[in-house]
Amino acid sequence: MGALMEFQTDDGAQVVVEVERHASGAKLVRRGDNSVSEAARTFDSALEGIRAAAESALHVFRDGRLKPDAVELEFGVKLTAEAGAVIAKTAVEGHLLVKLSWSPGTGAPTTAPDLGATAAQ
């Protein structure tokens, strides 16, 4: 098991996540077998970059000629003390799964372009 990092939400709740190692700049709040470091930023602010990435991706896929009825995004998210939330590395260098769907009779394109299931970041 990696190190434990404690984040606080903007509402004051505590969220403990597993990170690879304790980072410099984080404050050690518990020692022993289950030592926990306190993150310098809130959980909400750590996720801010991922939210912005999702908004940007949704803007790209909702606008333009495809006009899907639904857009589904899946990010692999990793939390770190230094960078907050980052898109997690998988077999490729980044992980973003995009699913677009159209309902019958909604003017969907007759042939949807092949966008690929996973895009590297």
PDB file of N, CA and C in Angstrom:
ATOM      1  N   MET A   1       0.841  -1.171   0.000  1.00  0.00           N
ATOM      2  CA  MET A   1       0.000   0.000   0.000  1.00  0.00           C
ATOM      3  C   MET A   1       0.889   1.238   0.000  1.00  0.00           C
ATOM      4  N   GLY A   2       0.486   2.261  -0.739  1.00  0.00           N
ATOM      5  CA  GLY A   2       1.231   3.514  -0.783  1.00  0.00           C
ATOM      6  C   GLY A   2       0.971   4.339   0.462  1.00  0.00           C
ATOM      7  N   ALA A   3       1.369   5.574   0.426  1.00  0.00           N
ATOM      8  CA  ALA A   3       1.167   6.487   1.545  1.00  0.00           C
ATOM      9  C   ALA A   3      -0.262   7.023   1.525  1.00  0.00           C
ATOM     10  N   LEU A   4      -0.730   7.501   2.654  1.00  0.00           N
ATOM     11  CA  LEU A   4      -2.071   8.064   2.757  1.00  0.00           C
ATOM     12  C   LEU A   4      -1.979   9.584   2.824  1.00  0.00           C
ATOM     13  N   MET A   5      -2.859  10.258   2.067  1.00  0.00           N
ATOM     14  CA  MET A   5      -2.916  11.714   2.033  1.00  0.00           C
ATOM     15  C   MET A   5      -4.328  12.132   2.391  1.00  0.00           C
ATOM     16  N   GLU A   6      -4.439  13.059   3.326  1.00  0.00           N
ATOM     17  CA  GLU A   6      -5.746  13.532   3.768  1.00  0.00           C
ATOM     18  C   GLU A   6      -6.026  14.893   3.136  1.00  0.00           C
ATOM     19  N   PHE A   7      -7.134  14.958   2.409  1.00  0.00           N
ATOM     20  CA  PHE A   7      -7.610  16.201   1.821  1.00  0.00           C
ATOM     21  C   PHE A   7      -8.840  16.639   2.595  1.00  0.00           C
ATOM     22  N   GLN A   8      -9.102  17.907   2.592  1.00  0.00           N
ATOM     23  CA  GLN A   8     -10.333  18.425   3.179  1.00  0.00           C
ATOM     24  C   GLN A   8     -11.152  19.043   2.054  1.00  0.00           C
ATOM     25  N   THR A   9     -12.471  18.779   2.048  1.00  0.00           N
ATOM     26  CA  THR A   9     -13.326  19.387   1.036  1.00  0.00           C
ATOM     27  C   THR A   9     -13.607  20.838   1.424  1.00  0.00           C
ATOM     28  N   ASP A  10     -14.149  21.595   0.495  1.00  0.00           N
ATOM     29  CA  ASP A  10     -14.511  22.979   0.793  1.00  0.00           C
ATOM     30  C   ASP A  10     -15.587  23.047   1.875  1.00  0.00           C
ATOM     31  N   ASP A  11     -16.355  21.958   2.045  1.00  0.00           N
ATOM     32  CA  ASP A  11     -17.396  21.897   3.079  1.00  0.00           C
ATOM     33  C   ASP A  11     -16.857  21.415   4.418  1.00  0.00           C
ATOM     34  N   GLY A  12     -15.551  21.085   4.480  1.00  0.00           N
ATOM     35  CA  GLY A  12     -14.942  20.673   5.743  1.00  0.00           C
ATOM     36  C   GLY A  12     -14.845  19.179   5.967  1.00  0.00           C
ATOM     37  N   ALA A  13     -15.362  18.359   5.059  1.00  0.00           N
ATOM     38  CA  ALA A  13     -15.261  16.902   5.208  1.00  0.00           C
ATOM     39  C   ALA A  13     -13.834  16.451   4.893  1.00  0.00           C
ATOM     40  N   GLN A  14     -13.414  15.352   5.500  1.00  0.00           N
ATOM     41  CA  GLN A  14     -12.083  14.811   5.257  1.00  0.00           C
ATOM     42  C   GLN A  14     -12.156  13.647   4.286  1.00  0.00           C
ATOM     43  N   VAL A  15     -11.241  13.639   3.317  1.00  0.00           N
ATOM     44  CA  VAL A  15     -11.153  12.575   2.324  1.00  0.00           C
ATOM     45  C   VAL A  15      -9.722  12.052   2.361  1.00  0.00           C
ATOM     46  N   VAL A  16      -9.557  10.767   2.628  1.00  0.00           N
ATOM     47  CA  VAL A  16      -8.235  10.155   2.668  1.00  0.00           C
ATOM     48  C   VAL A  16      -8.059   9.341   1.399  1.00  0.00           C
ATOM     49  N   VAL A  17      -6.962   9.587   0.687  1.00  0.00           N
ATOM     50  CA  VAL A  17      -6.685   8.862  -0.550  1.00  0.00           C
ATOM     51  C   VAL A  17      -5.299   8.242  -0.471  1.00  0.00           C
ATOM     52  N   GLU A  18      -5.104   7.175  -1.224  1.00  0.00           N
ATOM     53  CA  GLU A  18      -3.803   6.538  -1.293  1.00  0.00           C
ATOM     54  C   GLU A  18      -2.977   7.222  -2.382  1.00  0.00           C
ATOM     55  N   VAL A  19      -1.760   7.625  -2.045  1.00  0.00           N
ATOM     56  CA  VAL A  19      -0.838   8.223  -3.006  1.00  0.00           C
ATOM     57  C   VAL A  19       0.422   7.374  -3.037  1.00  0.00           C
ATOM     58  N   GLU A  20       1.272   7.579  -4.035  1.00  0.00           N
ATOM     59  CA  GLU A  20       2.470   6.747  -4.160  1.00  0.00           C
ATOM     60  C   GLU A  20       3.442   6.957  -3.008  1.00  0.00           C
ATOM     61  N   ARG A  21       3.616   8.207  -2.579  1.00  0.00           N
ATOM     62  CA  ARG A  21       4.558   8.494  -1.500  1.00  0.00           C
ATOM     63  C   ARG A  21       4.168   9.811  -0.848  1.00  0.00           C
ATOM     64  N   HIS A  22       4.646  10.006   0.370  1.00  0.00           N
ATOM     65  CA  HIS A  22       4.416  11.288   1.033  1.00  0.00           C
ATOM     66  C   HIS A  22       5.231  12.343   0.309  1.00  0.00           C
ATOM     67  N   ALA A  23       4.638  13.474   0.067  1.00  0.00           N
ATOM     68  CA  ALA A  23       5.289  14.515  -0.722  1.00  0.00           C
ATOM     69  C   ALA A  23       5.861  15.606   0.162  1.00  0.00           C
ATOM     70  N   SER A  24       6.879  16.256  -0.351  1.00  0.00           N
ATOM     71  CA  SER A  24       7.393  17.415   0.362  1.00  0.00           C
ATOM     72  C   SER A  24       6.331  18.507   0.309  1.00  0.00           C
ATOM     73  N   GLY A  25       6.228  19.257   1.360  1.00  0.00           N
ATOM     74  CA  GLY A  25       5.211  20.302   1.411  1.00  0.00           C
ATOM     75  C   GLY A  25       3.938  19.862   2.094  1.00  0.00           C
ATOM     76  N   ALA A  26       3.737  18.545   2.211  1.00  0.00           N
ATOM     77  CA  ALA A  26       2.574  18.035   2.931  1.00  0.00           C
ATOM     78  C   ALA A  26       2.951  17.887   4.397  1.00  0.00           C
ATOM     79  N   LYS A  27       1.991  18.079   5.270  1.00  0.00           N
ATOM     80  CA  LYS A  27       2.244  18.002   6.705  1.00  0.00           C
ATOM     81  C   LYS A  27       1.853  16.617   7.220  1.00  0.00           C
ATOM     82  N   LEU A  28       2.808  15.919   7.875  1.00  0.00           N
ATOM     83  CA  LEU A  28       2.538  14.607   8.452  1.00  0.00           C
ATOM     84  C   LEU A  28       1.668  14.794   9.689  1.00  0.00           C
ATOM     85  N   VAL A  29       0.462  14.206   9.685  1.00  0.00           N
ATOM     86  CA  VAL A  29      -0.457  14.391  10.809  1.00  0.00           C
ATOM     87  C   VAL A  29      -0.587  13.157  11.678  1.00  0.00           C
ATOM     88  N   ARG A  30      -0.199  11.966  11.189  1.00  0.00           N
ATOM     89  CA  ARG A  30      -0.212  10.740  11.984  1.00  0.00           C
ATOM     90  C   ARG A  30       0.979   9.898  11.596  1.00  0.00           C
ATOM     91  N   ARG A  31       1.598   9.283  12.563  1.00  0.00           N
ATOM     92  CA  ARG A  31       2.760   8.433  12.309  1.00  0.00           C
ATOM     93  C   ARG A  31       2.393   6.969  12.537  1.00  0.00           C
ATOM     94  N   GLY A  32       3.327   6.107  12.255  1.00  0.00           N
ATOM     95  CA  GLY A  32       3.120   4.681  12.488  1.00  0.00           C
ATOM     96  C   GLY A  32       2.862   3.954  11.185  1.00  0.00           C
ATOM     97  N   ASP A  33       2.256   2.759  11.307  1.00  0.00           N
ATOM     98  CA  ASP A  33       1.989   1.944  10.122  1.00  0.00           C
ATOM     99  C   ASP A  33       1.053   2.644   9.156  1.00  0.00           C
ATOM    100  N   ASN A  34       0.131   3.407   9.675  1.00  0.00           N
ATOM    101  CA  ASN A  34      -0.843   4.105   8.828  1.00  0.00           C
ATOM    102  C   ASN A  34      -0.616   5.614   8.882  1.00  0.00           C
ATOM    103  N   SER A  35       0.617   6.046   8.652  1.00  0.00           N
ATOM    104  CA  SER A  35       0.897   7.476   8.703  1.00  0.00           C
ATOM    105  C   SER A  35       0.120   8.201   7.604  1.00  0.00           C
ATOM    106  N   VAL A  36      -0.371   9.371   7.936  1.00  0.00           N
ATOM    107  CA  VAL A  36      -1.191  10.156   7.020  1.00  0.00           C
ATOM    108  C   VAL A  36      -0.602  11.550   6.924  1.00  0.00           C
ATOM    109  N   SER A  37      -0.473  12.039   5.693  1.00  0.00           N
ATOM    110  CA  SER A  37      -0.031  13.407   5.464  1.00  0.00           C
ATOM    111  C   SER A  37      -1.243  14.249   5.108  1.00  0.00           C
ATOM    112  N   GLU A  38      -1.184  15.506   5.497  1.00  0.00           N
ATOM    113  CA  GLU A  38      -2.272  16.428   5.187  1.00  0.00           C
ATOM    114  C   GLU A  38      -1.893  17.226   3.946  1.00  0.00           C
ATOM    115  N   ALA A  39      -2.738  17.221   2.949  1.00  0.00           N
ATOM    116  CA  ALA A  39      -2.478  17.954   1.710  1.00  0.00           C
ATOM    117  C   ALA A  39      -2.573  19.447   1.966  1.00  0.00           C
ATOM    118  N   ALA A  40      -1.782  20.198   1.219  1.00  0.00           N
ATOM    119  CA  ALA A  40      -1.769  21.652   1.375  1.00  0.00           C
ATOM    120  C   ALA A  40      -2.966  22.304   0.692  1.00  0.00           C
ATOM    121  N   ARG A  41      -3.639  21.600  -0.188  1.00  0.00           N
ATOM    122  CA  ARG A  41      -4.794  22.162  -0.900  1.00  0.00           C
ATOM    123  C   ARG A  41      -6.041  21.358  -0.579  1.00  0.00           C
ATOM    124  N   THR A  42      -7.195  21.940  -0.855  1.00  0.00           N
ATOM    125  CA  THR A  42      -8.445  21.224  -0.595  1.00  0.00           C
ATOM    126  C   THR A  42      -8.688  20.196  -1.694  1.00  0.00           C
ATOM    127  N   PHE A  43      -9.537  19.232  -1.398  1.00  0.00           N
ATOM    128  CA  PHE A  43      -9.929  18.215  -2.370  1.00  0.00           C
ATOM    129  C   PHE A  43     -10.576  18.868  -3.584  1.00  0.00           C
ATOM    130  N   ASP A  44     -11.439  19.859  -3.321  1.00  0.00           N
ATOM    131  CA  ASP A  44     -12.131  20.559  -4.407  1.00  0.00           C
ATOM    132  C   ASP A  44     -11.142  21.260  -5.333  1.00  0.00           C
ATOM    133  N   SER A  45     -10.164  21.954  -4.762  1.00  0.00           N
ATOM    134  CA  SER A  45      -9.205  22.665  -5.609  1.00  0.00           C
ATOM    135  C   SER A  45      -8.272  21.693  -6.329  1.00  0.00           C
ATOM    136  N   ALA A  46      -7.998  20.529  -5.729  1.00  0.00           N
ATOM    137  CA  ALA A  46      -7.173  19.528  -6.390  1.00  0.00           C
ATOM    138  C   ALA A  46      -7.854  19.003  -7.651  1.00  0.00           C
ATOM    139  N   LEU A  47      -9.189  18.917  -7.628  1.00  0.00           N
ATOM    140  CA  LEU A  47      -9.941  18.392  -8.773  1.00  0.00           C
ATOM    141  C   LEU A  47     -10.283  19.458  -9.813  1.00  0.00           C
ATOM    142  N   GLU A  48      -9.966  20.697  -9.540  1.00  0.00           N
ATOM    143  CA  GLU A  48     -10.332  21.796 -10.434  1.00  0.00           C
ATOM    144  C   GLU A  48      -9.798  21.618 -11.859  1.00  0.00           C
ATOM    145  N   GLY A  49      -8.563  21.177 -11.994  1.00  0.00           N
ATOM    146  CA  GLY A  49      -7.988  20.968 -13.324  1.00  0.00           C
ATOM    147  C   GLY A  49      -8.702  19.877 -14.107  1.00  0.00           C
ATOM    148  N   ILE A  50      -9.125  18.813 -13.425  1.00  0.00           N
ATOM    149  CA  ILE A  50      -9.861  17.730 -14.089  1.00  0.00           C
ATOM    150  C   ILE A  50     -11.221  18.232 -14.548  1.00  0.00           C
ATOM    151  N   ARG A  51     -11.876  19.054 -13.707  1.00  0.00           N
ATOM    152  CA  ARG A  51     -13.164  19.642 -14.106  1.00  0.00           C
ATOM    153  C   ARG A  51     -12.998  20.496 -15.354  1.00  0.00           C
ATOM    154  N   ALA A  52     -11.948  21.304 -15.390  1.00  0.00           N
ATOM    155  CA  ALA A  52     -11.693  22.155 -16.547  1.00  0.00           C
ATOM    156  C   ALA A  52     -11.415  21.307 -17.793  1.00  0.00           C
ATOM    157  N   ALA A  53     -10.680  20.189 -17.627  1.00  0.00           N
ATOM    158  CA  ALA A  53     -10.416  19.295 -18.757  1.00  0.00           C
ATOM    159  C   ALA A  53     -11.705  18.672 -19.270  1.00  0.00           C
ATOM    160  N   ALA A  54     -12.603  18.274 -18.362  1.00  0.00           N
ATOM    161  CA  ALA A  54     -13.883  17.686 -18.766  1.00  0.00           C
ATOM    162  C   ALA A  54     -14.739  18.714 -19.504  1.00  0.00           C
ATOM    163  N   GLU A  55     -14.788  19.945 -18.990  1.00  0.00           N
ATOM    164  CA  GLU A  55     -15.552  21.001 -19.669  1.00  0.00           C
ATOM    165  C   GLU A  55     -15.023  21.246 -21.076  1.00  0.00           C
ATOM    166  N   SER A  56     -13.709  21.283 -21.211  1.00  0.00           N
ATOM    167  CA  SER A  56     -13.094  21.503 -22.520  1.00  0.00           C
ATOM    168  C   SER A  56     -13.414  20.367 -23.485  1.00  0.00           C
ATOM    169  N   ALA A  57     -13.288  19.121 -23.005  1.00  0.00           N
ATOM    170  CA  ALA A  57     -13.587  17.966 -23.854  1.00  0.00           C
ATOM    171  C   ALA A  57     -15.060  17.950 -24.252  1.00  0.00           C
ATOM    172  N   LEU A  58     -15.951  18.253 -23.317  1.00  0.00           N
ATOM    173  CA  LEU A  58     -17.375  18.300 -23.656  1.00  0.00           C
ATOM    174  C   LEU A  58     -17.660  19.371 -24.694  1.00  0.00           C
ATOM    175  N   HIS A  59     -17.012  20.508 -24.574  1.00  0.00           N
ATOM    176  CA  HIS A  59     -17.191  21.591 -25.549  1.00  0.00           C
ATOM    177  C   HIS A  59     -16.777  21.118 -26.949  1.00  0.00           C
ATOM    178  N   VAL A  60     -15.658  20.419 -27.031  1.00  0.00           N
ATOM    179  CA  VAL A  60     -15.168  19.924 -28.320  1.00  0.00           C
ATOM    180  C   VAL A  60     -16.146  18.930 -28.937  1.00  0.00           C
ATOM    181  N   PHE A  61     -16.655  17.992 -28.140  1.00  0.00           N
ATOM    182  CA  PHE A  61     -17.503  16.935 -28.699  1.00  0.00           C
ATOM    183  C   PHE A  61     -18.960  17.339 -28.870  1.00  0.00           C
ATOM    184  N   ARG A  62     -19.458  18.312 -28.124  1.00  0.00           N
ATOM    185  CA  ARG A  62     -20.846  18.754 -28.279  1.00  0.00           C
ATOM    186  C   ARG A  62     -21.004  19.734 -29.436  1.00  0.00           C
ATOM    187  N   ASP A  63     -20.008  20.542 -29.673  1.00  0.00           N
ATOM    188  CA  ASP A  63     -20.068  21.515 -30.757  1.00  0.00           C
ATOM    189  C   ASP A  63     -19.558  20.878 -32.038  1.00  0.00           C
ATOM    190  N   GLY A  64     -19.845  21.493 -33.138  1.00  0.00           N
ATOM    191  CA  GLY A  64     -19.341  20.969 -34.402  1.00  0.00           C
ATOM    192  C   GLY A  64     -20.373  20.150 -35.134  1.00  0.00           C
ATOM    193  N   ARG A  65     -19.920  19.349 -36.078  1.00  0.00           N
ATOM    194  CA  ARG A  65     -20.844  18.664 -36.989  1.00  0.00           C
ATOM    195  C   ARG A  65     -21.414  17.358 -36.462  1.00  0.00           C
ATOM    196  N   LEU A  66     -20.830  16.757 -35.437  1.00  0.00           N
ATOM    197  CA  LEU A  66     -21.315  15.461 -34.965  1.00  0.00           C
ATOM    198  C   LEU A  66     -22.653  15.554 -34.242  1.00  0.00           C
ATOM    199  N   LYS A  67     -22.853  16.548 -33.405  1.00  0.00           N
ATOM    200  CA  LYS A  67     -24.097  16.777 -32.659  1.00  0.00           C
ATOM    201  C   LYS A  67     -24.647  15.512 -31.988  1.00  0.00           C
ATOM    202  N   PRO A  68     -23.876  14.880 -31.101  1.00  0.00           N
ATOM    203  CA  PRO A  68     -24.383  13.673 -30.436  1.00  0.00           C
ATOM    204  C   PRO A  68     -25.489  14.027 -29.437  1.00  0.00           C
ATOM    205  N   ASP A  69     -26.362  13.074 -29.171  1.00  0.00           N
ATOM    206  CA  ASP A  69     -27.399  13.245 -28.152  1.00  0.00           C
ATOM    207  C   ASP A  69     -26.799  13.119 -26.755  1.00  0.00           C
ATOM    208  N   ALA A  70     -25.729  12.337 -26.637  1.00  0.00           N
ATOM    209  CA  ALA A  70     -25.087  12.143 -25.339  1.00  0.00           C
ATOM    210  C   ALA A  70     -23.578  12.036 -25.528  1.00  0.00           C
ATOM    211  N   VAL A  71     -22.865  12.592 -24.573  1.00  0.00           N
ATOM    212  CA  VAL A  71     -21.407  12.499 -24.538  1.00  0.00           C
ATOM    213  C   VAL A  71     -21.030  11.957 -23.174  1.00  0.00           C
ATOM    214  N   GLU A  72     -20.208  10.933 -23.164  1.00  0.00           N
ATOM    215  CA  GLU A  72     -19.761  10.330 -21.906  1.00  0.00           C
ATOM    216  C   GLU A  72     -18.243  10.376 -21.883  1.00  0.00           C
ATOM    217  N   LEU A  73     -17.684  10.949 -20.830  1.00  0.00           N
ATOM    218  CA  LEU A  73     -16.233  11.031 -20.677  1.00  0.00           C
ATOM    219  C   LEU A  73     -15.808  10.206 -19.474  1.00  0.00           C
ATOM    220  N   GLU A  74     -14.698   9.511 -19.602  1.00  0.00           N
ATOM    221  CA  GLU A  74     -14.151   8.762 -18.473  1.00  0.00           C
ATOM    222  C   GLU A  74     -12.678   9.112 -18.345  1.00  0.00           C
ATOM    223  N   PHE A  75     -12.303   9.664 -17.212  1.00  0.00           N
ATOM    224  CA  PHE A  75     -10.916   9.991 -16.929  1.00  0.00           C
ATOM    225  C   PHE A  75     -10.401   9.054 -15.848  1.00  0.00           C
ATOM    226  N   GLY A  76      -9.196   8.576 -15.995  1.00  0.00           N
ATOM    227  CA  GLY A  76      -8.509   7.931 -14.888  1.00  0.00           C
ATOM    228  C   GLY A  76      -7.850   9.053 -14.102  1.00  0.00           C
ATOM    229  N   VAL A  77      -8.202   9.239 -12.840  1.00  0.00           N
ATOM    230  CA  VAL A  77      -7.717  10.362 -12.048  1.00  0.00           C
ATOM    231  C   VAL A  77      -6.819   9.854 -10.930  1.00  0.00           C
ATOM    232  N   LYS A  78      -5.674  10.519 -10.769  1.00  0.00           N
ATOM    233  CA  LYS A  78      -4.724  10.198  -9.714  1.00  0.00           C
ATOM    234  C   LYS A  78      -4.513  11.462  -8.897  1.00  0.00           C
ATOM    235  N   LEU A  79      -4.523  11.337  -7.579  1.00  0.00           N
ATOM    236  CA  LEU A  79      -4.315  12.490  -6.703  1.00  0.00           C
ATOM    237  C   LEU A  79      -2.887  12.503  -6.190  1.00  0.00           C
ATOM    238  N   THR A  80      -2.265  13.673  -6.238  1.00  0.00           N
ATOM    239  CA  THR A  80      -0.929  13.853  -5.693  1.00  0.00           C
ATOM    240  C   THR A  80      -0.919  15.116  -4.852  1.00  0.00           C
ATOM    241  N   ALA A  81      -0.017  15.174  -3.910  1.00  0.00           N
ATOM    242  CA  ALA A  81       0.090  16.372  -3.077  1.00  0.00           C
ATOM    243  C   ALA A  81       0.636  17.535  -3.882  1.00  0.00           C
ATOM    244  N   GLU A  82       1.588  17.254  -4.765  1.00  0.00           N
ATOM    245  CA  GLU A  82       2.241  18.317  -5.508  1.00  0.00           C
ATOM    246  C   GLU A  82       1.339  18.920  -6.575  1.00  0.00           C
ATOM    247  N   ALA A  83       0.674  18.083  -7.357  1.00  0.00           N
ATOM    248  CA  ALA A  83      -0.059  18.562  -8.523  1.00  0.00           C
ATOM    249  C   ALA A  83      -1.571  18.528  -8.348  1.00  0.00           C
ATOM    250  N   GLY A  84      -2.071  18.007  -7.250  1.00  0.00           N
ATOM    251  CA  GLY A  84      -3.520  17.862  -7.107  1.00  0.00           C
ATOM    252  C   GLY A  84      -3.972  16.645  -7.875  1.00  0.00           C
ATOM    253  N   ALA A  85      -5.009  16.786  -8.677  1.00  0.00           N
ATOM    254  CA  ALA A  85      -5.520  15.677  -9.469  1.00  0.00           C
ATOM    255  C   ALA A  85      -4.921  15.736 -10.866  1.00  0.00           C
ATOM    256  N   VAL A  86      -4.474  14.591 -11.353  1.00  0.00           N
ATOM    257  CA  VAL A  86      -3.910  14.497 -12.695  1.00  0.00           C
ATOM    258  C   VAL A  86      -4.575  13.338 -13.411  1.00  0.00           C
ATOM    259  N   ILE A  87      -4.573  13.386 -14.737  1.00  0.00           N
ATOM    260  CA  ILE A  87      -5.095  12.270 -15.511  1.00  0.00           C
ATOM    261  C   ILE A  87      -4.092  11.140 -15.388  1.00  0.00           C
ATOM    262  N   ALA A  88      -4.556   9.994 -14.929  1.00  0.00           N
ATOM    263  CA  ALA A  88      -3.675   8.875 -14.588  1.00  0.00           C
ATOM    264  C   ALA A  88      -3.071   8.230 -15.822  1.00  0.00           C
ATOM    265  N   LYS A  89      -1.861   7.771 -15.645  1.00  0.00           N
ATOM    266  CA  LYS A  89      -1.168   7.051 -16.704  1.00  0.00           C
ATOM    267  C   LYS A  89      -1.682   5.610 -16.729  1.00  0.00           C
ATOM    268  N   THR A  90      -1.946   5.118 -17.926  1.00  0.00           N
ATOM    269  CA  THR A  90      -2.333   3.723 -18.095  1.00  0.00           C
ATOM    270  C   THR A  90      -1.315   3.087 -19.019  1.00  0.00           C
ATOM    271  N   ALA A  91      -1.723   2.123 -19.807  1.00  0.00           N
ATOM    272  CA  ALA A  91      -0.801   1.486 -20.738  1.00  0.00           C
ATOM    273  C   ALA A  91      -0.270   2.506 -21.746  1.00  0.00           C
ATOM    274  N   VAL A  92      -1.074   3.500 -22.054  1.00  0.00           N
ATOM    275  CA  VAL A  92      -0.602   4.606 -22.879  1.00  0.00           C
ATOM    276  C   VAL A  92      -0.268   5.745 -21.933  1.00  0.00           C
ATOM    277  N   GLU A  93       0.120   6.884 -22.415  1.00  0.00           N
ATOM    278  CA  GLU A  93       0.563   7.956 -21.537  1.00  0.00           C
ATOM    279  C   GLU A  93      -0.552   8.716 -20.835  1.00  0.00           C
ATOM    280  N   GLY A  94      -1.763   8.620 -21.272  1.00  0.00           N
ATOM    281  CA  GLY A  94      -2.871   9.285 -20.600  1.00  0.00           C
ATOM    282  C   GLY A  94      -4.134   8.490 -20.831  1.00  0.00           C
ATOM    283  N   HIS A  95      -5.154   8.763 -20.049  1.00  0.00           N
ATOM    284  CA  HIS A  95      -6.366   7.962 -20.150  1.00  0.00           C
ATOM    285  C   HIS A  95      -7.572   8.875 -20.276  1.00  0.00           C
ATOM    286  N   LEU A  96      -8.238   8.779 -21.399  1.00  0.00           N
ATOM    287  CA  LEU A  96      -9.489   9.495 -21.617  1.00  0.00           C
ATOM    288  C   LEU A  96     -10.344   8.647 -22.531  1.00  0.00           C
ATOM    289  N   LEU A  97     -11.450   8.172 -22.021  1.00  0.00           N
ATOM    290  CA  LEU A  97     -12.380   7.376 -22.807  1.00  0.00           C
ATOM    291  C   LEU A  97     -13.554   8.270 -23.166  1.00  0.00           C
ATOM    292  N   VAL A  98     -13.901   8.331 -24.453  1.00  0.00           N
ATOM    293  CA  VAL A  98     -14.993   9.183 -24.930  1.00  0.00           C
ATOM    294  C   VAL A  98     -16.020   8.296 -25.616  1.00  0.00           C
ATOM    295  N   LYS A  99     -17.290   8.442 -25.206  1.00  0.00           N
ATOM    296  CA  LYS A  99     -18.382   7.724 -25.861  1.00  0.00           C
ATOM    297  C   LYS A  99     -19.396   8.745 -26.347  1.00  0.00           C
ATOM    298  N   LEU A 100     -19.731   8.677 -27.625  1.00  0.00           N
ATOM    299  CA  LEU A 100     -20.746   9.541 -28.220  1.00  0.00           C
ATOM    300  C   LEU A 100     -21.908   8.653 -28.634  1.00  0.00           C
ATOM    301  N   SER A 101     -23.152   9.127 -28.455  1.00  0.00           N
ATOM    302  CA  SER A 101     -24.293   8.320 -28.871  1.00  0.00           C
ATOM    303  C   SER A 101     -25.378   9.201 -29.472  1.00  0.00           C
ATOM    304  N   TRP A 102     -26.136   8.586 -30.361  1.00  0.00           N
ATOM    305  CA  TRP A 102     -27.240   9.255 -31.026  1.00  0.00           C
ATOM    306  C   TRP A 102     -28.483   8.390 -30.893  1.00  0.00           C
ATOM    307  N   SER A 103     -29.620   9.018 -30.739  1.00  0.00           N
ATOM    308  CA  SER A 103     -30.895   8.304 -30.704  1.00  0.00           C
ATOM    309  C   SER A 103     -31.421   8.194 -32.130  1.00  0.00           C
ATOM    310  N   PRO A 104     -32.136   7.108 -32.433  1.00  0.00           N
ATOM    311  CA  PRO A 104     -32.685   6.963 -33.784  1.00  0.00           C
ATOM    312  C   PRO A 104     -33.589   8.147 -34.134  1.00  0.00           C
ATOM    313  N   GLY A 105     -33.464   8.620 -35.371  1.00  0.00           N
ATOM    314  CA  GLY A 105     -34.335   9.674 -35.857  1.00  0.00           C
ATOM    315  C   GLY A 105     -33.999  11.073 -35.376  1.00  0.00           C
ATOM    316  N   THR A 106     -32.791  11.282 -34.849  1.00  0.00           N
ATOM    317  CA  THR A 106     -32.448  12.618 -34.357  1.00  0.00           C
ATOM    318  C   THR A 106     -31.513  13.353 -35.307  1.00  0.00           C
ATOM    319  N   GLY A 107     -31.401  12.866 -36.510  1.00  0.00           N
ATOM    320  CA  GLY A 107     -30.537  13.541 -37.463  1.00  0.00           C
ATOM    321  C   GLY A 107     -29.073  13.223 -37.261  1.00  0.00           C
ATOM    322  N   ALA A 108     -28.798  12.043 -36.717  1.00  0.00           N
ATOM    323  CA  ALA A 108     -27.411  11.637 -36.504  1.00  0.00           C
ATOM    324  C   ALA A 108     -26.719  11.471 -37.839  1.00  0.00           C
ATOM    325  N   PRO A 109     -25.418  11.671 -37.898  1.00  0.00           N
ATOM    326  CA  PRO A 109     -24.700  11.458 -39.147  1.00  0.00           C
ATOM    327  C   PRO A 109     -24.888  10.030 -39.634  1.00  0.00           C
ATOM    328  N   THR A 110     -24.967   9.843 -40.948  1.00  0.00           N
ATOM    329  CA  THR A 110     -25.171   8.497 -41.484  1.00  0.00           C
ATOM    330  C   THR A 110     -23.975   7.600 -41.205  1.00  0.00           C
ATOM    331  N   THR A 111     -22.786   8.147 -41.223  1.00  0.00           N
ATOM    332  CA  THR A 111     -21.602   7.396 -40.826  1.00  0.00           C
ATOM    333  C   THR A 111     -20.804   8.262 -39.862  1.00  0.00           C
ATOM    334  N   ALA A 112     -20.709   7.805 -38.655  1.00  0.00           N
ATOM    335  CA  ALA A 112     -19.942   8.550 -37.644  1.00  0.00           C
ATOM    336  C   ALA A 112     -18.460   8.271 -37.847  1.00  0.00           C
ATOM    337  N   PRO A 113     -17.622   9.289 -37.770  1.00  0.00           N
ATOM    338  CA  PRO A 113     -16.184   9.047 -37.905  1.00  0.00           C
ATOM    339  C   PRO A 113     -15.672   8.203 -36.743  1.00  0.00           C
ATOM    340  N   ASP A 114     -14.642   7.403 -37.010  1.00  0.00           N
ATOM    341  CA  ASP A 114     -14.042   6.569 -35.971  1.00  0.00           C
ATOM    342  C   ASP A 114     -13.096   7.436 -35.162  1.00  0.00           C
ATOM    343  N   LEU A 115     -13.499   7.782 -33.929  1.00  0.00           N
ATOM    344  CA  LEU A 115     -12.691   8.634 -33.069  1.00  0.00           C
ATOM    345  C   LEU A 115     -11.745   7.840 -32.201  1.00  0.00           C
ATOM    346  N   GLY A 116     -11.910   6.541 -32.158  1.00  0.00           N
ATOM    347  CA  GLY A 116     -11.085   5.724 -31.272  1.00  0.00           C
ATOM    348  C   GLY A 116     -11.648   5.742 -29.880  1.00  0.00           C
ATOM    349  N   ALA A 117     -11.477   4.664 -29.136  1.00  0.00           N
ATOM    350  CA  ALA A 117     -12.042   4.581 -27.799  1.00  0.00           C
ATOM    351  C   ALA A 117     -11.187   5.278 -26.761  1.00  0.00           C
ATOM    352  N   THR A 118      -9.880   5.226 -26.925  1.00  0.00           N
ATOM    353  CA  THR A 118      -8.994   5.811 -25.928  1.00  0.00           C
ATOM    354  C   THR A 118      -8.052   6.758 -26.617  1.00  0.00           C
ATOM    355  N   ALA A 119      -7.940   7.955 -26.082  1.00  0.00           N
ATOM    356  CA  ALA A 119      -7.030   8.961 -26.643  1.00  0.00           C
ATOM    357  C   ALA A 119      -5.915   9.216 -25.656  1.00  0.00           C
ATOM    358  N   ALA A 120      -4.701   9.262 -26.110  1.00  0.00           N
ATOM    359  CA  ALA A 120      -3.566   9.563 -25.237  1.00  0.00           C
ATOM    360  C   ALA A 120      -3.468  11.056 -25.023  1.00  0.00           C
ATOM    361  N   GLN A 121      -3.053  11.446 -23.821  1.00  0.00           N
ATOM    362  CA  GLN A 121      -2.871  12.864 -23.487  1.00  0.00           C
ATOM    363  C   GLN A 121      -1.438  13.239 -23.699  1.00  0.00           C
TER     364      GLN A 121
END
